[in-house]
Amino acid sequence: MSVYDPSHRFFVLNRQIYMSSFSRFQDLSAKLRPGQIAMGLFEALPDIMFWVKDESGVIIFANRAYAQLLNRTPEDLVGETDETLFPPTMANFFRSDDETIIKTSKPLQNKLEIVTRPGGGIEWRMTSKIPLFDGNDKVLGTAGVSRRLEHGEGPPLPTPQRAISDLIDRVHENLGEDITVRDLSRQAGMSVSSLERSFRKFLGTTPKKYLVRARIAAACDKLLSTTLSVGQIASSLSYHEHASFTRAFSSVMHMSPKDYRNFYQSAEH
């Protein structure tokens, strides 16, 4: 609670207001046709993916944004699973999160994760998932939302922070240069420790990890949109050794650059 009141009168008053409002919302919801609020609103948000799965991980609803990411229609996704839509290792990560939510009955909030695009490249998204209960508090499935993070429009920074925003733009414009965390701190005009705190606060990661992710995102695009060899792509992104690039790529994508290229090129045929 952000407001301290020794008598707790502030807390009690606001709790009463909240409970009264929530009660009115429940009364209204009971009179409404099911699905009007959530389904209608999520269809109107082009950059927010929304889905519902049963306890086996089978999709029973997906909005248009989710379907468009996969070049499908919402109807096409009903009955599908992560295993049929994404590379195996990535699907395992998604499924593991769902199983943890079902087992613990606890939500997953604001997890930074990768979603691959069948047409090429990746998206960084902030994902939250919740368990869905029946009237006896048994978990019957999960629901989730995922918001795309883009460096070009201010996000992934959730609030305007000019120094960091400009820094992110420069990172993506100069991925071929051997940029270090100290270079970033000098460009931002702050100490390394301050930069670390800012990145953790606004991006949920460290400057070093962000640099790796930015380069790997660019590598994914190059692997599918060019005929450059893996070694040439590594060099173009300031990796001096093929092995170090492969390790970095595998740590982010959970597959090698070669496997990534083969998976999506074969999916197109």
Protein backbone atom coordinates (compact mmCIF):
# COMPACT_ATOMS: atom_id res chain seq x y z
CA MET A 1 0.00 0.00 0.00
CA SER A 2 1.55 3.27 -1.10
CA VAL A 3 -0.26 5.50 1.42
CA TYR A 4 0.62 4.97 5.06
CA ASP A 5 -2.19 5.55 7.55
CA PRO A 6 -1.63 4.30 11.13
CA SER A 7 -5.37 4.02 11.69
CA HIS A 8 -5.88 2.20 8.38
CA ARG A 9 -8.95 4.37 7.76
CA PHE A 10 -7.67 5.20 4.26
CA PHE A 11 -7.25 1.52 3.43
CA VAL A 12 -10.65 0.51 4.85
CA LEU A 13 -12.47 3.33 3.06
CA ASN A 14 -10.88 2.52 -0.28
CA ARG A 15 -11.46 -1.19 0.20
CA GLN A 16 -15.14 -0.46 0.81
CA ILE A 17 -15.30 1.62 -2.37
CA TYR A 18 -13.50 -1.11 -4.32
CA MET A 19 -15.72 -3.91 -2.99
CA SER A 20 -18.84 -1.88 -3.73
CA SER A 21 -17.68 -1.23 -7.31
CA PHE A 22 -16.67 -4.85 -7.77
CA SER A 23 -20.04 -6.02 -6.50
CA ARG A 24 -21.81 -3.79 -9.03
CA PHE A 25 -19.55 -5.14 -11.77
CA GLN A 26 -20.44 -8.71 -10.78
CA ASP A 27 -24.15 -7.88 -10.84
CA LEU A 28 -23.83 -6.36 -14.30
CA SER A 29 -21.69 -9.24 -15.59
CA ALA A 30 -24.32 -11.75 -14.47
CA LYS A 31 -26.89 -10.02 -16.67
CA LEU A 32 -24.67 -9.74 -19.76
CA ARG A 33 -24.35 -12.23 -22.56
CA PRO A 34 -21.06 -14.11 -21.89
CA GLY A 35 -17.93 -12.93 -23.70
CA GLN A 36 -19.07 -9.45 -24.72
CA ILE A 37 -16.50 -7.46 -22.78
CA ALA A 38 -13.29 -9.43 -23.15
CA MET A 39 -13.75 -10.84 -26.64
CA GLY A 40 -14.94 -7.59 -28.19
CA LEU A 41 -12.21 -5.47 -26.68
CA PHE A 42 -9.37 -7.86 -27.47
CA GLU A 43 -10.44 -7.98 -31.10
CA ALA A 44 -10.01 -4.18 -31.21
CA LEU A 45 -6.36 -4.28 -30.06
CA PRO A 46 -4.18 -5.13 -33.07
CA ASP A 47 -0.93 -5.52 -31.09
CA ILE A 48 -2.36 -7.55 -28.18
CA MET A 49 -2.57 -11.30 -28.62
CA PHE A 50 -5.26 -13.02 -26.53
CA TRP A 51 -5.98 -16.71 -26.26
CA VAL A 52 -7.69 -19.35 -24.14
CA LYS A 53 -6.51 -22.96 -23.81
CA ASP A 54 -7.96 -25.97 -22.08
CA GLU A 55 -5.97 -27.92 -19.49
CA SER A 56 -4.37 -30.03 -22.23
CA GLY A 57 -2.98 -26.95 -23.96
CA VAL A 58 -5.45 -27.03 -26.84
CA ILE A 59 -6.47 -23.57 -28.09
CA ILE A 60 -10.21 -22.99 -27.76
CA PHE A 61 -10.12 -19.29 -28.60
CA ALA A 62 -7.59 -16.94 -30.19
CA ASN A 63 -8.09 -13.35 -31.29
CA ARG A 64 -7.23 -11.90 -34.67
CA ALA A 65 -3.85 -10.50 -33.55
CA TYR A 66 -2.69 -13.98 -32.52
CA ALA A 67 -3.89 -15.47 -35.79
CA GLN A 68 -2.26 -12.76 -37.91
CA LEU A 69 1.11 -13.37 -36.27
CA LEU A 70 0.94 -16.92 -37.60
CA ASN A 71 -0.61 -16.02 -40.97
CA ARG A 72 -3.77 -17.90 -40.02
CA THR A 73 -7.38 -17.08 -39.18
CA PRO A 74 -8.73 -17.26 -35.61
CA GLU A 75 -10.87 -20.21 -36.66
CA ASP A 76 -7.78 -22.05 -37.93
CA LEU A 77 -6.13 -21.89 -34.50
CA VAL A 78 -8.97 -23.58 -32.63
CA GLY A 79 -7.83 -27.11 -31.84
CA GLU A 80 -4.14 -26.33 -32.36
CA THR A 81 -1.42 -26.52 -29.70
CA ASP A 82 1.94 -24.82 -29.19
CA GLU A 83 3.58 -27.96 -30.56
CA THR A 84 1.81 -27.58 -33.90
CA LEU A 85 2.44 -23.84 -34.20
CA PHE A 86 5.99 -23.22 -32.96
CA PRO A 87 9.45 -24.83 -33.08
CA PRO A 88 9.69 -27.78 -30.65
CA THR A 89 11.96 -26.26 -28.00
CA MET A 90 10.05 -22.98 -27.95
CA ALA A 91 6.74 -24.85 -27.72
CA ASN A 92 8.11 -26.76 -24.74
CA PHE A 93 8.84 -23.49 -22.92
CA PHE A 94 5.31 -22.21 -23.55
CA ARG A 95 3.78 -25.51 -22.47
CA SER A 96 5.93 -25.63 -19.33
CA ASP A 97 4.58 -22.24 -18.25
CA ASP A 98 1.00 -23.43 -18.80
CA GLU A 99 1.59 -26.59 -16.78
CA THR A 100 3.09 -24.58 -13.91
CA ILE A 101 0.08 -22.27 -13.86
CA ILE A 102 -2.33 -25.22 -13.82
CA LYS A 103 -0.35 -27.01 -11.11
CA THR A 104 0.10 -24.01 -8.80
CA SER A 105 -3.14 -22.13 -9.65
CA LYS A 106 -1.02 -18.99 -9.80
CA PRO A 107 -0.74 -16.47 -12.66
CA LEU A 108 2.36 -15.62 -14.66
CA GLN A 109 2.88 -11.87 -14.90
CA ASN A 110 4.89 -9.84 -17.43
CA LYS A 111 7.31 -12.44 -18.76
CA LEU A 112 9.60 -11.26 -21.55
CA GLU A 113 9.67 -13.93 -24.24
CA ILE A 114 10.24 -14.59 -27.92
CA VAL A 115 7.57 -15.44 -30.47
CA THR A 116 8.69 -16.50 -33.92
CA ARG A 117 6.98 -15.35 -37.10
CA PRO A 118 6.49 -18.04 -39.77
CA GLY A 119 7.29 -15.48 -42.45
CA GLY A 120 10.63 -14.72 -40.84
CA GLY A 121 12.18 -13.11 -37.80
CA ILE A 122 11.07 -12.87 -34.21
CA GLU A 123 9.08 -10.61 -31.93
CA TRP A 124 9.85 -9.77 -28.33
CA ARG A 125 6.65 -9.79 -26.32
CA MET A 126 5.57 -9.19 -22.73
CA THR A 127 3.28 -12.05 -21.77
CA SER A 128 0.92 -12.66 -18.85
CA LYS A 129 -1.17 -15.78 -18.23
CA ILE A 130 -3.82 -16.70 -15.67
CA PRO A 131 -5.50 -19.94 -14.56
CA LEU A 132 -9.20 -20.38 -15.36
CA PHE A 133 -11.33 -21.94 -12.62
CA ASP A 134 -14.71 -23.64 -12.55
CA GLY A 135 -17.29 -23.12 -9.79
CA ASN A 136 -15.43 -25.55 -7.54
CA ASP A 137 -12.06 -23.79 -7.93
CA LYS A 138 -10.68 -26.50 -10.19
CA VAL A 139 -8.37 -25.20 -12.93
CA LEU A 140 -9.90 -25.98 -16.32
CA GLY A 141 -7.40 -24.14 -18.49
CA THR A 142 -5.44 -20.95 -18.98
CA ALA A 143 -5.86 -17.59 -20.68
CA GLY A 144 -3.12 -15.25 -21.79
CA VAL A 145 -2.31 -11.90 -23.30
CA SER A 146 0.89 -10.89 -25.03
CA ARG A 147 1.95 -7.37 -26.00
CA ARG A 148 4.46 -6.72 -28.75
CA LEU A 149 7.53 -4.70 -27.74
CA GLU A 150 9.01 -2.45 -30.41
CA HIS A 151 12.06 -0.24 -30.02
CA GLY A 152 11.04 2.10 -32.83
CA GLU A 153 8.01 3.68 -31.19
CA GLY A 154 9.21 4.23 -27.64
CA PRO A 155 8.40 0.73 -26.37
CA PRO A 156 9.79 -1.60 -25.15
CA LEU A 157 10.10 1.28 -22.69
CA PRO A 158 6.71 1.44 -20.95
CA THR A 159 7.19 5.12 -20.11
CA PRO A 160 8.95 7.91 -22.01
CA GLN A 161 12.61 7.96 -21.04
CA ARG A 162 14.39 9.92 -23.75
CA ALA A 163 17.99 8.93 -22.95
CA ILE A 164 17.24 5.21 -22.96
CA SER A 165 14.91 5.46 -25.94
CA ASP A 166 17.55 7.20 -28.05
CA LEU A 167 20.11 4.66 -26.88
CA ILE A 168 17.94 1.76 -28.02
CA ASP A 169 17.54 3.35 -31.44
CA ARG A 170 21.32 3.68 -31.77
CA VAL A 171 21.80 0.06 -30.76
CA HIS A 172 19.52 -1.16 -33.55
CA GLU A 173 21.09 1.20 -36.07
CA ASN A 174 24.63 -0.01 -35.29
CA LEU A 175 24.35 -3.74 -34.69
CA GLY A 176 27.37 -4.34 -36.91
CA GLU A 177 29.62 -2.45 -34.51
CA ASP A 178 31.32 -4.03 -31.51
CA ILE A 179 29.22 -2.17 -28.93
CA THR A 180 29.95 -2.75 -25.24
CA VAL A 181 27.94 -1.92 -22.12
CA ARG A 182 30.52 0.75 -21.26
CA ASP A 183 29.99 2.29 -24.71
CA LEU A 184 26.27 2.45 -24.00
CA SER A 185 26.78 4.08 -20.62
CA ARG A 186 28.97 6.77 -22.17
CA GLN A 187 26.43 7.42 -24.93
CA ALA A 188 23.62 7.64 -22.37
CA GLY A 189 25.64 9.94 -20.13
CA MET A 190 25.25 7.76 -17.06
CA SER A 191 27.29 5.30 -15.05
CA VAL A 192 27.26 1.60 -15.87
CA SER A 193 25.35 0.88 -12.65
CA SER A 194 22.72 3.53 -13.48
CA LEU A 195 22.38 2.10 -16.98
CA GLU A 196 21.92 -1.38 -15.52
CA ARG A 197 19.16 -0.12 -13.23
CA SER A 198 17.41 1.73 -16.07
CA PHE A 199 17.48 -1.31 -18.35
CA ARG A 200 16.17 -3.58 -15.60
CA LYS A 201 13.41 -1.12 -14.73
CA PHE A 202 12.18 -0.34 -18.24
CA LEU A 203 13.21 -3.37 -20.28
CA GLY A 204 13.28 -6.11 -17.66
CA THR A 205 16.77 -7.18 -18.68
CA THR A 206 20.41 -6.09 -18.59
CA PRO A 207 22.19 -4.00 -21.26
CA LYS A 208 24.39 -6.99 -22.10
CA LYS A 209 21.43 -9.30 -22.62
CA TYR A 210 19.58 -6.67 -24.63
CA LEU A 211 22.55 -6.30 -26.98
CA VAL A 212 22.58 -10.05 -27.52
CA ARG A 213 18.84 -10.17 -28.15
CA ALA A 214 18.95 -7.27 -30.59
CA ARG A 215 21.71 -8.96 -32.59
CA ILE A 216 19.94 -12.32 -32.57
CA ALA A 217 16.70 -10.70 -33.75
CA ALA A 218 18.63 -9.20 -36.66
CA ALA A 219 20.27 -12.57 -37.30
CA CYS A 220 16.85 -14.25 -37.55
CA ASP A 221 15.82 -11.77 -40.23
CA LYS A 222 19.04 -12.27 -42.17
CA LEU A 223 18.81 -16.06 -41.98
CA LEU A 224 15.43 -16.04 -43.71
CA SER A 225 15.67 -13.00 -45.97
CA THR A 226 19.19 -13.47 -47.36
CA THR A 227 21.40 -16.25 -48.70
CA LEU A 228 24.33 -15.21 -46.51
CA SER A 229 26.11 -18.04 -44.75
CA VAL A 230 25.91 -18.34 -40.97
CA GLY A 231 29.52 -17.16 -40.76
CA GLN A 232 28.81 -14.09 -42.90
CA ILE A 233 25.80 -13.20 -40.77
CA ALA A 234 27.88 -13.59 -37.63
CA SER A 235 30.52 -11.21 -38.99
CA SER A 236 27.91 -8.66 -40.05
CA LEU A 237 26.69 -8.52 -36.45
CA SER A 238 30.15 -8.06 -34.92
CA TYR A 239 30.66 -11.66 -33.87
CA HIS A 240 34.29 -12.44 -34.59
CA GLU A 241 33.95 -16.19 -34.11
CA HIS A 242 31.39 -18.50 -35.67
CA ALA A 243 31.22 -20.56 -32.47
CA SER A 244 30.47 -17.59 -30.21
CA PHE A 245 27.65 -16.49 -32.53
CA THR A 246 26.16 -19.99 -32.55
CA ARG A 247 26.29 -20.14 -28.74
CA ALA A 248 24.61 -16.74 -28.42
CA PHE A 249 21.95 -17.64 -30.99
CA SER A 250 21.20 -20.98 -29.33
CA SER A 251 20.95 -19.39 -25.88
CA VAL A 252 18.20 -17.07 -27.14
CA MET A 253 16.39 -19.16 -29.76
CA HIS A 254 17.00 -22.61 -28.24
CA MET A 255 18.15 -23.93 -31.61
CA SER A 256 21.17 -23.36 -33.83
CA PRO A 257 21.17 -20.78 -36.65
CA LYS A 258 21.23 -23.62 -39.18
CA ASP A 259 18.26 -25.37 -37.57
CA TYR A 260 16.34 -22.08 -37.43
CA ARG A 261 16.87 -21.46 -41.16
CA ASN A 262 15.98 -25.05 -42.07
CA PHE A 263 12.84 -25.08 -39.90
CA TYR A 264 11.28 -22.00 -41.46
CA GLN A 265 12.45 -22.59 -45.00
CA SER A 266 10.95 -26.08 -44.92
CA ALA A 267 7.71 -24.66 -43.48
CA GLU A 268 7.33 -22.47 -46.56
CA HIS A 269 7.26 -25.48 -48.88
